[in-house]
Amino acid sequence: MQKCQKCSTQFTWKAIQKSLLWGYKPISCSSCSSTHEISSLSRIGLVLFTTAMPMLLVFNPILDLRIELETALYILWVILVIGIAPLFVKYSIK
């Protein structure tokens, strides 16, 4: 998981989740108060994994799933991606 670039204090899971769920809000380090912002590559990756991948897999006309099942699978996918996102997103001092 991501650490502060200045003092190497590890960010909490809760702080990263809060940042992601509130529109990529910057994170302040609890030790040195430096502000970190999410990288552009992490933003693009999250958007691709939460929208593009499920559209290719779930909303596939070949599978011919019912709309209720497709919606349920999509919601589960988004919850999964947001749940594991703190392990993969990168922040840097701005």
PDB file of N, CA and C in Angstrom:
ATOM      1  N   MET A   1       0.838  -1.165   0.000  1.00  0.00           N
ATOM      2  CA  MET A   1       0.000   0.000   0.000  1.00  0.00           C
ATOM      3  C   MET A   1       0.896   1.247   0.000  1.00  0.00           C
ATOM      4  N   GLN A   2       0.322   2.339  -0.443  1.00  0.00           N
ATOM      5  CA  GLN A   2       1.042   3.595  -0.624  1.00  0.00           C
ATOM      6  C   GLN A   2       1.564   4.166   0.695  1.00  0.00           C
ATOM      7  N   LYS A   3       2.761   4.757   0.630  1.00  0.00           N
ATOM      8  CA  LYS A   3       3.359   5.432   1.775  1.00  0.00           C
ATOM      9  C   LYS A   3       3.622   6.885   1.408  1.00  0.00           C
ATOM     10  N   CYS A   4       3.758   7.712   2.425  1.00  0.00           N
ATOM     11  CA  CYS A   4       4.091   9.120   2.219  1.00  0.00           C
ATOM     12  C   CYS A   4       5.472   9.201   1.590  1.00  0.00           C
ATOM     13  N   GLN A   5       5.618  10.050   0.591  1.00  0.00           N
ATOM     14  CA  GLN A   5       6.911  10.183  -0.075  1.00  0.00           C
ATOM     15  C   GLN A   5       7.907  10.973   0.766  1.00  0.00           C
ATOM     16  N   LYS A   6       7.404  11.723   1.715  1.00  0.00           N
ATOM     17  CA  LYS A   6       8.269  12.561   2.541  1.00  0.00           C
ATOM     18  C   LYS A   6       8.779  11.829   3.777  1.00  0.00           C
ATOM     19  N   CYS A   7       7.865  11.182   4.530  1.00  0.00           N
ATOM     20  CA  CYS A   7       8.259  10.571   5.805  1.00  0.00           C
ATOM     21  C   CYS A   7       8.056   9.053   5.850  1.00  0.00           C
ATOM     22  N   SER A   8       7.562   8.451   4.796  1.00  0.00           N
ATOM     23  CA  SER A   8       7.350   7.002   4.665  1.00  0.00           C
ATOM     24  C   SER A   8       6.301   6.430   5.620  1.00  0.00           C
ATOM     25  N   THR A   9       5.389   7.272   6.080  1.00  0.00           N
ATOM     26  CA  THR A   9       4.273   6.783   6.885  1.00  0.00           C
ATOM     27  C   THR A   9       3.242   6.172   5.940  1.00  0.00           C
ATOM     28  N   GLN A  10       2.780   4.993   6.274  1.00  0.00           N
ATOM     29  CA  GLN A  10       1.819   4.307   5.409  1.00  0.00           C
ATOM     30  C   GLN A  10       0.433   4.931   5.558  1.00  0.00           C
ATOM     31  N   PHE A  11      -0.213   5.181   4.415  1.00  0.00           N
ATOM     32  CA  PHE A  11      -1.583   5.690   4.441  1.00  0.00           C
ATOM     33  C   PHE A  11      -2.518   4.572   4.880  1.00  0.00           C
ATOM     34  N   THR A  12      -3.584   4.957   5.541  1.00  0.00           N
ATOM     35  CA  THR A  12      -4.554   3.962   5.977  1.00  0.00           C
ATOM     36  C   THR A  12      -5.478   3.592   4.818  1.00  0.00           C
ATOM     37  N   TRP A  13      -6.025   2.399   4.900  1.00  0.00           N
ATOM     38  CA  TRP A  13      -6.985   1.917   3.908  1.00  0.00           C
ATOM     39  C   TRP A  13      -8.173   2.873   3.844  1.00  0.00           C
ATOM     40  N   LYS A  14      -8.614   3.295   5.016  1.00  0.00           N
ATOM     41  CA  LYS A  14      -9.765   4.188   5.121  1.00  0.00           C
ATOM     42  C   LYS A  14      -9.496   5.527   4.435  1.00  0.00           C
ATOM     43  N   ALA A  15      -8.303   6.073   4.596  1.00  0.00           N
ATOM     44  CA  ALA A  15      -7.968   7.363   3.974  1.00  0.00           C
ATOM     45  C   ALA A  15      -7.970   7.258   2.451  1.00  0.00           C
ATOM     46  N   ILE A  16      -7.441   6.165   1.927  1.00  0.00           N
ATOM     47  CA  ILE A  16      -7.412   5.985   0.473  1.00  0.00           C
ATOM     48  C   ILE A  16      -8.820   5.756  -0.056  1.00  0.00           C
ATOM     49  N   GLN A  17      -9.611   4.935   0.634  1.00  0.00           N
ATOM     50  CA  GLN A  17     -11.002   4.705   0.217  1.00  0.00           C
ATOM     51  C   GLN A  17     -11.780   6.012   0.207  1.00  0.00           C
ATOM     52  N   LYS A  18     -11.608   6.800   1.239  1.00  0.00           N
ATOM     53  CA  LYS A  18     -12.306   8.087   1.331  1.00  0.00           C
ATOM     54  C   LYS A  18     -11.901   9.002   0.171  1.00  0.00           C
ATOM     55  N   SER A  19     -10.633   9.003  -0.148  1.00  0.00           N
ATOM     56  CA  SER A  19     -10.142   9.803  -1.265  1.00  0.00           C
ATOM     57  C   SER A  19     -10.775   9.368  -2.585  1.00  0.00           C
ATOM     58  N   LEU A  20     -10.853   8.078  -2.808  1.00  0.00           N
ATOM     59  CA  LEU A  20     -11.407   7.551  -4.055  1.00  0.00           C
ATOM     60  C   LEU A  20     -12.906   7.784  -4.162  1.00  0.00           C
ATOM     61  N   LEU A  21     -13.619   7.583  -3.066  1.00  0.00           N
ATOM     62  CA  LEU A  21     -15.074   7.705  -3.101  1.00  0.00           C
ATOM     63  C   LEU A  21     -15.557   9.155  -3.156  1.00  0.00           C
ATOM     64  N   TRP A  22     -14.716  10.094  -2.757  1.00  0.00           N
ATOM     65  CA  TRP A  22     -15.104  11.504  -2.789  1.00  0.00           C
ATOM     66  C   TRP A  22     -14.416  12.248  -3.930  1.00  0.00           C
ATOM     67  N   GLY A  23     -14.277  11.603  -5.068  1.00  0.00           N
ATOM     68  CA  GLY A  23     -13.772  12.278  -6.268  1.00  0.00           C
ATOM     69  C   GLY A  23     -12.283  12.517  -6.283  1.00  0.00           C
ATOM     70  N   TYR A  24     -11.507  11.562  -5.846  1.00  0.00           N
ATOM     71  CA  TYR A  24     -10.042  11.636  -5.840  1.00  0.00           C
ATOM     72  C   TYR A  24      -9.522  12.787  -4.983  1.00  0.00           C
ATOM     73  N   LYS A  25     -10.115  12.965  -3.832  1.00  0.00           N
ATOM     74  CA  LYS A  25      -9.713  13.999  -2.883  1.00  0.00           C
ATOM     75  C   LYS A  25      -8.263  13.759  -2.457  1.00  0.00           C
ATOM     76  N   PRO A  26      -7.441  14.797  -2.366  1.00  0.00           N
ATOM     77  CA  PRO A  26      -6.046  14.619  -1.917  1.00  0.00           C
ATOM     78  C   PRO A  26      -5.979  14.066  -0.490  1.00  0.00           C
ATOM     79  N   ILE A  27      -4.906  13.338  -0.211  1.00  0.00           N
ATOM     80  CA  ILE A  27      -4.686  12.753   1.108  1.00  0.00           C
ATOM     81  C   ILE A  27      -3.595  13.548   1.818  1.00  0.00           C
ATOM     82  N   SER A  28      -3.823  13.877   3.073  1.00  0.00           N
ATOM     83  CA  SER A  28      -2.806  14.528   3.894  1.00  0.00           C
ATOM     84  C   SER A  28      -2.170  13.484   4.803  1.00  0.00           C
ATOM     85  N   CYS A  29      -0.861  13.514   4.877  1.00  0.00           N
ATOM     86  CA  CYS A  29      -0.132  12.581   5.734  1.00  0.00           C
ATOM     87  C   CYS A  29      -0.412  12.915   7.198  1.00  0.00           C
ATOM     88  N   SER A  30      -0.636  11.891   8.006  1.00  0.00           N
ATOM     89  CA  SER A  30      -0.931  12.108   9.421  1.00  0.00           C
ATOM     90  C   SER A  30       0.307  12.532  10.213  1.00  0.00           C
ATOM     91  N   SER A  31       1.505  12.252   9.700  1.00  0.00           N
ATOM     92  CA  SER A  31       2.733  12.598  10.415  1.00  0.00           C
ATOM     93  C   SER A  31       3.302  13.957  10.024  1.00  0.00           C
ATOM     94  N   CYS A  32       3.464  14.170   8.721  1.00  0.00           N
ATOM     95  CA  CYS A  32       4.147  15.387   8.269  1.00  0.00           C
ATOM     96  C   CYS A  32       3.221  16.398   7.590  1.00  0.00           C
ATOM     97  N   SER A  33       1.952  16.065   7.444  1.00  0.00           N
ATOM     98  CA  SER A  33       0.926  16.939   6.850  1.00  0.00           C
ATOM     99  C   SER A  33       1.170  17.292   5.387  1.00  0.00           C
ATOM    100  N   SER A  34       1.996  16.522   4.688  1.00  0.00           N
ATOM    101  CA  SER A  34       2.181  16.772   3.257  1.00  0.00           C
ATOM    102  C   SER A  34       0.957  16.254   2.501  1.00  0.00           C
ATOM    103  N   THR A  35       0.617  16.923   1.402  1.00  0.00           N
ATOM    104  CA  THR A  35      -0.572  16.576   0.632  1.00  0.00           C
ATOM    105  C   THR A  35      -0.173  15.742  -0.576  1.00  0.00           C
ATOM    106  N   HIS A  36      -0.863  14.627  -0.770  1.00  0.00           N
ATOM    107  CA  HIS A  36      -0.610  13.728  -1.889  1.00  0.00           C
ATOM    108  C   HIS A  36      -1.853  13.661  -2.763  1.00  0.00           C
ATOM    109  N   GLU A  37      -1.656  13.681  -4.077  1.00  0.00           N
ATOM    110  CA  GLU A  37      -2.756  13.558  -5.023  1.00  0.00           C
ATOM    111  C   GLU A  37      -2.581  12.287  -5.836  1.00  0.00           C
ATOM    112  N   ILE A  38      -3.707  11.729  -6.266  1.00  0.00           N
ATOM    113  CA  ILE A  38      -3.680  10.492  -7.049  1.00  0.00           C
ATOM    114  C   ILE A  38      -3.078  10.776  -8.425  1.00  0.00           C
ATOM    115  N   SER A  39      -2.322   9.827  -8.948  1.00  0.00           N
ATOM    116  CA  SER A  39      -1.694  10.007 -10.258  1.00  0.00           C
ATOM    117  C   SER A  39      -2.727   9.850 -11.374  1.00  0.00           C
ATOM    118  N   SER A  40      -2.430  10.454 -12.505  1.00  0.00           N
ATOM    119  CA  SER A  40      -3.325  10.377 -13.663  1.00  0.00           C
ATOM    120  C   SER A  40      -3.477   8.942 -14.149  1.00  0.00           C
ATOM    121  N   LEU A  41      -2.399   8.190 -14.115  1.00  0.00           N
ATOM    122  CA  LEU A  41      -2.443   6.800 -14.556  1.00  0.00           C
ATOM    123  C   LEU A  41      -3.370   5.967 -13.662  1.00  0.00           C
ATOM    124  N   SER A  42      -3.362   6.233 -12.366  1.00  0.00           N
ATOM    125  CA  SER A  42      -4.266   5.521 -11.445  1.00  0.00           C
ATOM    126  C   SER A  42      -5.717   5.882 -11.721  1.00  0.00           C
ATOM    127  N   ARG A  43      -5.976   7.146 -12.020  1.00  0.00           N
ATOM    128  CA  ARG A  43      -7.344   7.563 -12.350  1.00  0.00           C
ATOM    129  C   ARG A  43      -7.842   6.847 -13.599  1.00  0.00           C
ATOM    130  N   ILE A  44      -7.002   6.823 -14.621  1.00  0.00           N
ATOM    131  CA  ILE A  44      -7.382   6.160 -15.870  1.00  0.00           C
ATOM    132  C   ILE A  44      -7.604   4.670 -15.638  1.00  0.00           C
ATOM    133  N   GLY A  45      -6.726   4.044 -14.861  1.00  0.00           N
ATOM    134  CA  GLY A  45      -6.860   2.623 -14.564  1.00  0.00           C
ATOM    135  C   GLY A  45      -8.156   2.300 -13.838  1.00  0.00           C
ATOM    136  N   LEU A  46      -8.508   3.126 -12.855  1.00  0.00           N
ATOM    137  CA  LEU A  46      -9.754   2.897 -12.121  1.00  0.00           C
ATOM    138  C   LEU A  46     -10.968   3.038 -13.023  1.00  0.00           C
ATOM    139  N   VAL A  47     -10.953   4.040 -13.879  1.00  0.00           N
ATOM    140  CA  VAL A  47     -12.077   4.240 -14.801  1.00  0.00           C
ATOM    141  C   VAL A  47     -12.196   3.061 -15.758  1.00  0.00           C
ATOM    142  N   LEU A  48     -11.081   2.608 -16.282  1.00  0.00           N
ATOM    143  CA  LEU A  48     -11.118   1.475 -17.209  1.00  0.00           C
ATOM    144  C   LEU A  48     -11.605   0.202 -16.533  1.00  0.00           C
ATOM    145  N   PHE A  49     -11.125  -0.052 -15.326  1.00  0.00           N
ATOM    146  CA  PHE A  49     -11.536  -1.277 -14.645  1.00  0.00           C
ATOM    147  C   PHE A  49     -12.960  -1.232 -14.128  1.00  0.00           C
ATOM    148  N   THR A  50     -13.479  -0.037 -13.819  1.00  0.00           N
ATOM    149  CA  THR A  50     -14.854   0.028 -13.314  1.00  0.00           C
ATOM    150  C   THR A  50     -15.885   0.166 -14.423  1.00  0.00           C
ATOM    151  N   THR A  51     -15.485   0.585 -15.618  1.00  0.00           N
ATOM    152  CA  THR A  51     -16.472   0.758 -16.696  1.00  0.00           C
ATOM    153  C   THR A  51     -16.194  -0.097 -17.922  1.00  0.00           C
ATOM    154  N   ALA A  52     -15.029   0.020 -18.494  1.00  0.00           N
ATOM    155  CA  ALA A  52     -14.751  -0.648 -19.769  1.00  0.00           C
ATOM    156  C   ALA A  52     -14.714  -2.171 -19.652  1.00  0.00           C
ATOM    157  N   MET A  53     -14.016  -2.687 -18.652  1.00  0.00           N
ATOM    158  CA  MET A  53     -13.911  -4.145 -18.510  1.00  0.00           C
ATOM    159  C   MET A  53     -15.276  -4.809 -18.307  1.00  0.00           C
ATOM    160  N   PRO A  54     -16.109  -4.313 -17.410  1.00  0.00           N
ATOM    161  CA  PRO A  54     -17.421  -4.948 -17.240  1.00  0.00           C
ATOM    162  C   PRO A  54     -18.297  -4.841 -18.481  1.00  0.00           C
ATOM    163  N   MET A  55     -18.179  -3.742 -19.203  1.00  0.00           N
ATOM    164  CA  MET A  55     -18.998  -3.607 -20.404  1.00  0.00           C
ATOM    165  C   MET A  55     -18.625  -4.671 -21.429  1.00  0.00           C
ATOM    166  N   LEU A  56     -17.359  -4.999 -21.497  1.00  0.00           N
ATOM    167  CA  LEU A  56     -16.935  -6.040 -22.432  1.00  0.00           C
ATOM    168  C   LEU A  56     -17.359  -7.431 -21.965  1.00  0.00           C
ATOM    169  N   LEU A  57     -17.358  -7.641 -20.657  1.00  0.00           N
ATOM    170  CA  LEU A  57     -17.664  -8.960 -20.131  1.00  0.00           C
ATOM    171  C   LEU A  57     -19.142  -9.176 -19.808  1.00  0.00           C
ATOM    172  N   VAL A  58     -19.746  -8.215 -19.130  1.00  0.00           N
ATOM    173  CA  VAL A  58     -21.107  -8.393 -18.634  1.00  0.00           C
ATOM    174  C   VAL A  58     -22.148  -8.054 -19.686  1.00  0.00           C
ATOM    175  N   PHE A  59     -22.011  -6.916 -20.322  1.00  0.00           N
ATOM    176  CA  PHE A  59     -23.002  -6.483 -21.299  1.00  0.00           C
ATOM    177  C   PHE A  59     -22.664  -7.042 -22.686  1.00  0.00           C
ATOM    178  N   ASN A  60     -22.398  -8.314 -22.733  1.00  0.00           N
ATOM    179  CA  ASN A  60     -22.008  -9.007 -23.954  1.00  0.00           C
ATOM    180  C   ASN A  60     -23.247  -9.662 -24.577  1.00  0.00           C
ATOM    181  N   PRO A  61     -23.586  -9.307 -25.830  1.00  0.00           N
ATOM    182  CA  PRO A  61     -24.785  -9.899 -26.446  1.00  0.00           C
ATOM    183  C   PRO A  61     -24.666 -11.404 -26.676  1.00  0.00           C
ATOM    184  N   ILE A  62     -23.471 -11.917 -26.725  1.00  0.00           N
ATOM    185  CA  ILE A  62     -23.283 -13.352 -26.932  1.00  0.00           C
ATOM    186  C   ILE A  62     -23.727 -14.131 -25.692  1.00  0.00           C
ATOM    187  N   LEU A  63     -23.466 -13.579 -24.504  1.00  0.00           N
ATOM    188  CA  LEU A  63     -23.869 -14.250 -23.270  1.00  0.00           C
ATOM    189  C   LEU A  63     -25.374 -14.185 -23.049  1.00  0.00           C
ATOM    190  N   ASP A  64     -26.014 -13.140 -23.553  1.00  0.00           N
ATOM    191  CA  ASP A  64     -27.466 -12.956 -23.476  1.00  0.00           C
ATOM    192  C   ASP A  64     -27.998 -13.121 -22.054  1.00  0.00           C
ATOM    193  N   LEU A  65     -27.434 -12.338 -21.132  1.00  0.00           N
ATOM    194  CA  LEU A  65     -27.889 -12.365 -19.749  1.00  0.00           C
ATOM    195  C   LEU A  65     -29.069 -11.406 -19.558  1.00  0.00           C
ATOM    196  N   ARG A  66     -29.883 -11.667 -18.580  1.00  0.00           N
ATOM    197  CA  ARG A  66     -30.993 -10.763 -18.270  1.00  0.00           C
ATOM    198  C   ARG A  66     -30.439  -9.466 -17.704  1.00  0.00           C
ATOM    199  N   ILE A  67     -31.161  -8.384 -17.914  1.00  0.00           N
ATOM    200  CA  ILE A  67     -30.699  -7.068 -17.482  1.00  0.00           C
ATOM    201  C   ILE A  67     -30.497  -7.004 -15.966  1.00  0.00           C
ATOM    202  N   GLU A  68     -31.329  -7.696 -15.205  1.00  0.00           N
ATOM    203  CA  GLU A  68     -31.184  -7.688 -13.752  1.00  0.00           C
ATOM    204  C   GLU A  68     -29.867  -8.353 -13.336  1.00  0.00           C
ATOM    205  N   LEU A  69     -29.546  -9.457 -13.979  1.00  0.00           N
ATOM    206  CA  LEU A  69     -28.302 -10.157 -13.680  1.00  0.00           C
ATOM    207  C   LEU A  69     -27.101  -9.322 -14.108  1.00  0.00           C
ATOM    208  N   GLU A  70     -27.194  -8.688 -15.274  1.00  0.00           N
ATOM    209  CA  GLU A  70     -26.105  -7.836 -15.748  1.00  0.00           C
ATOM    210  C   GLU A  70     -25.852  -6.691 -14.779  1.00  0.00           C
ATOM    211  N   THR A  71     -26.917  -6.070 -14.310  1.00  0.00           N
ATOM    212  CA  THR A  71     -26.788  -4.956 -13.371  1.00  0.00           C
ATOM    213  C   THR A  71     -26.192  -5.423 -12.055  1.00  0.00           C
ATOM    214  N   ALA A  72     -26.646  -6.547 -11.550  1.00  0.00           N
ATOM    215  CA  ALA A  72     -26.118  -7.089 -10.295  1.00  0.00           C
ATOM    216  C   ALA A  72     -24.630  -7.424 -10.427  1.00  0.00           C
ATOM    217  N   LEU A  73     -24.243  -8.039 -11.541  1.00  0.00           N
ATOM    218  CA  LEU A  73     -22.832  -8.369 -11.767  1.00  0.00           C
ATOM    219  C   LEU A  73     -21.981  -7.106 -11.871  1.00  0.00           C
ATOM    220  N   TYR A  74     -22.519  -6.088 -12.518  1.00  0.00           N
ATOM    221  CA  TYR A  74     -21.788  -4.830 -12.654  1.00  0.00           C
ATOM    222  C   TYR A  74     -21.590  -4.170 -11.290  1.00  0.00           C
ATOM    223  N   ILE A  75     -22.616  -4.147 -10.460  1.00  0.00           N
ATOM    224  CA  ILE A  75     -22.502  -3.546  -9.129  1.00  0.00           C
ATOM    225  C   ILE A  75     -21.491  -4.317  -8.285  1.00  0.00           C
ATOM    226  N   LEU A  76     -21.515  -5.632  -8.351  1.00  0.00           N
ATOM    227  CA  LEU A  76     -20.530  -6.438  -7.630  1.00  0.00           C
ATOM    228  C   LEU A  76     -19.113  -6.155  -8.112  1.00  0.00           C
ATOM    229  N   TRP A  77     -18.965  -5.989  -9.422  1.00  0.00           N
ATOM    230  CA  TRP A  77     -17.653  -5.684 -10.007  1.00  0.00           C
ATOM    231  C   TRP A  77     -17.122  -4.348  -9.482  1.00  0.00           C
ATOM    232  N   VAL A  78     -17.970  -3.326  -9.470  1.00  0.00           N
ATOM    233  CA  VAL A  78     -17.554  -2.002  -9.008  1.00  0.00           C
ATOM    234  C   VAL A  78     -17.160  -2.062  -7.533  1.00  0.00           C
ATOM    235  N   ILE A  79     -17.928  -2.767  -6.720  1.00  0.00           N
ATOM    236  CA  ILE A  79     -17.600  -2.910  -5.298  1.00  0.00           C
ATOM    237  C   ILE A  79     -16.256  -3.613  -5.127  1.00  0.00           C
ATOM    238  N   LEU A  80     -16.018  -4.647  -5.912  1.00  0.00           N
ATOM    239  CA  LEU A  80     -14.745  -5.366  -5.847  1.00  0.00           C
ATOM    240  C   LEU A  80     -13.579  -4.463  -6.225  1.00  0.00           C
ATOM    241  N   VAL A  81     -13.714  -3.725  -7.314  1.00  0.00           N
ATOM    242  CA  VAL A  81     -12.627  -2.854  -7.770  1.00  0.00           C
ATOM    243  C   VAL A  81     -12.346  -1.760  -6.745  1.00  0.00           C
ATOM    244  N   ILE A  82     -13.380  -1.143  -6.217  1.00  0.00           N
ATOM    245  CA  ILE A  82     -13.182  -0.101  -5.219  1.00  0.00           C
ATOM    246  C   ILE A  82     -12.590  -0.688  -3.939  1.00  0.00           C
ATOM    247  N   GLY A  83     -12.971  -1.904  -3.612  1.00  0.00           N
ATOM    248  CA  GLY A  83     -12.439  -2.551  -2.410  1.00  0.00           C
ATOM    249  C   GLY A  83     -10.954  -2.843  -2.476  1.00  0.00           C
ATOM    250  N   ILE A  84     -10.448  -3.221  -3.646  1.00  0.00           N
ATOM    251  CA  ILE A  84      -9.023  -3.544  -3.768  1.00  0.00           C
ATOM    252  C   ILE A  84      -8.195  -2.400  -4.342  1.00  0.00           C
ATOM    253  N   ALA A  85      -8.831  -1.318  -4.729  1.00  0.00           N
ATOM    254  CA  ALA A  85      -8.118  -0.186  -5.337  1.00  0.00           C
ATOM    255  C   ALA A  85      -7.003   0.382  -4.459  1.00  0.00           C
ATOM    256  N   PRO A  86      -7.159   0.475  -3.131  1.00  0.00           N
ATOM    257  CA  PRO A  86      -6.062   1.028  -2.320  1.00  0.00           C
ATOM    258  C   PRO A  86      -4.748   0.272  -2.456  1.00  0.00           C
ATOM    259  N   LEU A  87      -4.801  -0.959  -2.908  1.00  0.00           N
ATOM    260  CA  LEU A  87      -3.568  -1.722  -3.103  1.00  0.00           C
ATOM    261  C   LEU A  87      -2.815  -1.289  -4.363  1.00  0.00           C
ATOM    262  N   PHE A  88      -3.512  -0.661  -5.315  1.00  0.00           N
ATOM    263  CA  PHE A  88      -2.911  -0.390  -6.609  1.00  0.00           C
ATOM    264  C   PHE A  88      -2.756   1.085  -6.979  1.00  0.00           C
ATOM    265  N   VAL A  89      -3.549   1.968  -6.400  1.00  0.00           N
ATOM    266  CA  VAL A  89      -3.463   3.372  -6.789  1.00  0.00           C
ATOM    267  C   VAL A  89      -2.180   3.994  -6.236  1.00  0.00           C
ATOM    268  N   LYS A  90      -1.677   4.972  -6.955  1.00  0.00           N
ATOM    269  CA  LYS A  90      -0.441   5.654  -6.575  1.00  0.00           C
ATOM    270  C   LYS A  90      -0.714   7.122  -6.339  1.00  0.00           C
ATOM    271  N   TYR A  91      -0.138   7.640  -5.282  1.00  0.00           N
ATOM    272  CA  TYR A  91      -0.249   9.040  -4.926  1.00  0.00           C
ATOM    273  C   TYR A  91       1.148   9.674  -4.944  1.00  0.00           C
ATOM    274  N   SER A  92       1.180  10.976  -5.240  1.00  0.00           N
ATOM    275  CA  SER A  92       2.447  11.694  -5.209  1.00  0.00           C
ATOM    276  C   SER A  92       2.229  13.094  -4.637  1.00  0.00           C
ATOM    277  N   ILE A  93       3.303  13.681  -4.124  1.00  0.00           N
ATOM    278  CA  ILE A  93       3.223  15.014  -3.540  1.00  0.00           C
ATOM    279  C   ILE A  93       3.063  16.032  -4.664  1.00  0.00           C
ATOM    280  N   LYS A  94       2.121  16.943  -4.456  1.00  0.00           N
ATOM    281  CA  LYS A  94       1.897  18.005  -5.444  1.00  0.00           C
ATOM    282  C   LYS A  94       2.152  19.344  -4.824  1.00  0.00           C
TER     283      LYS A  94
END
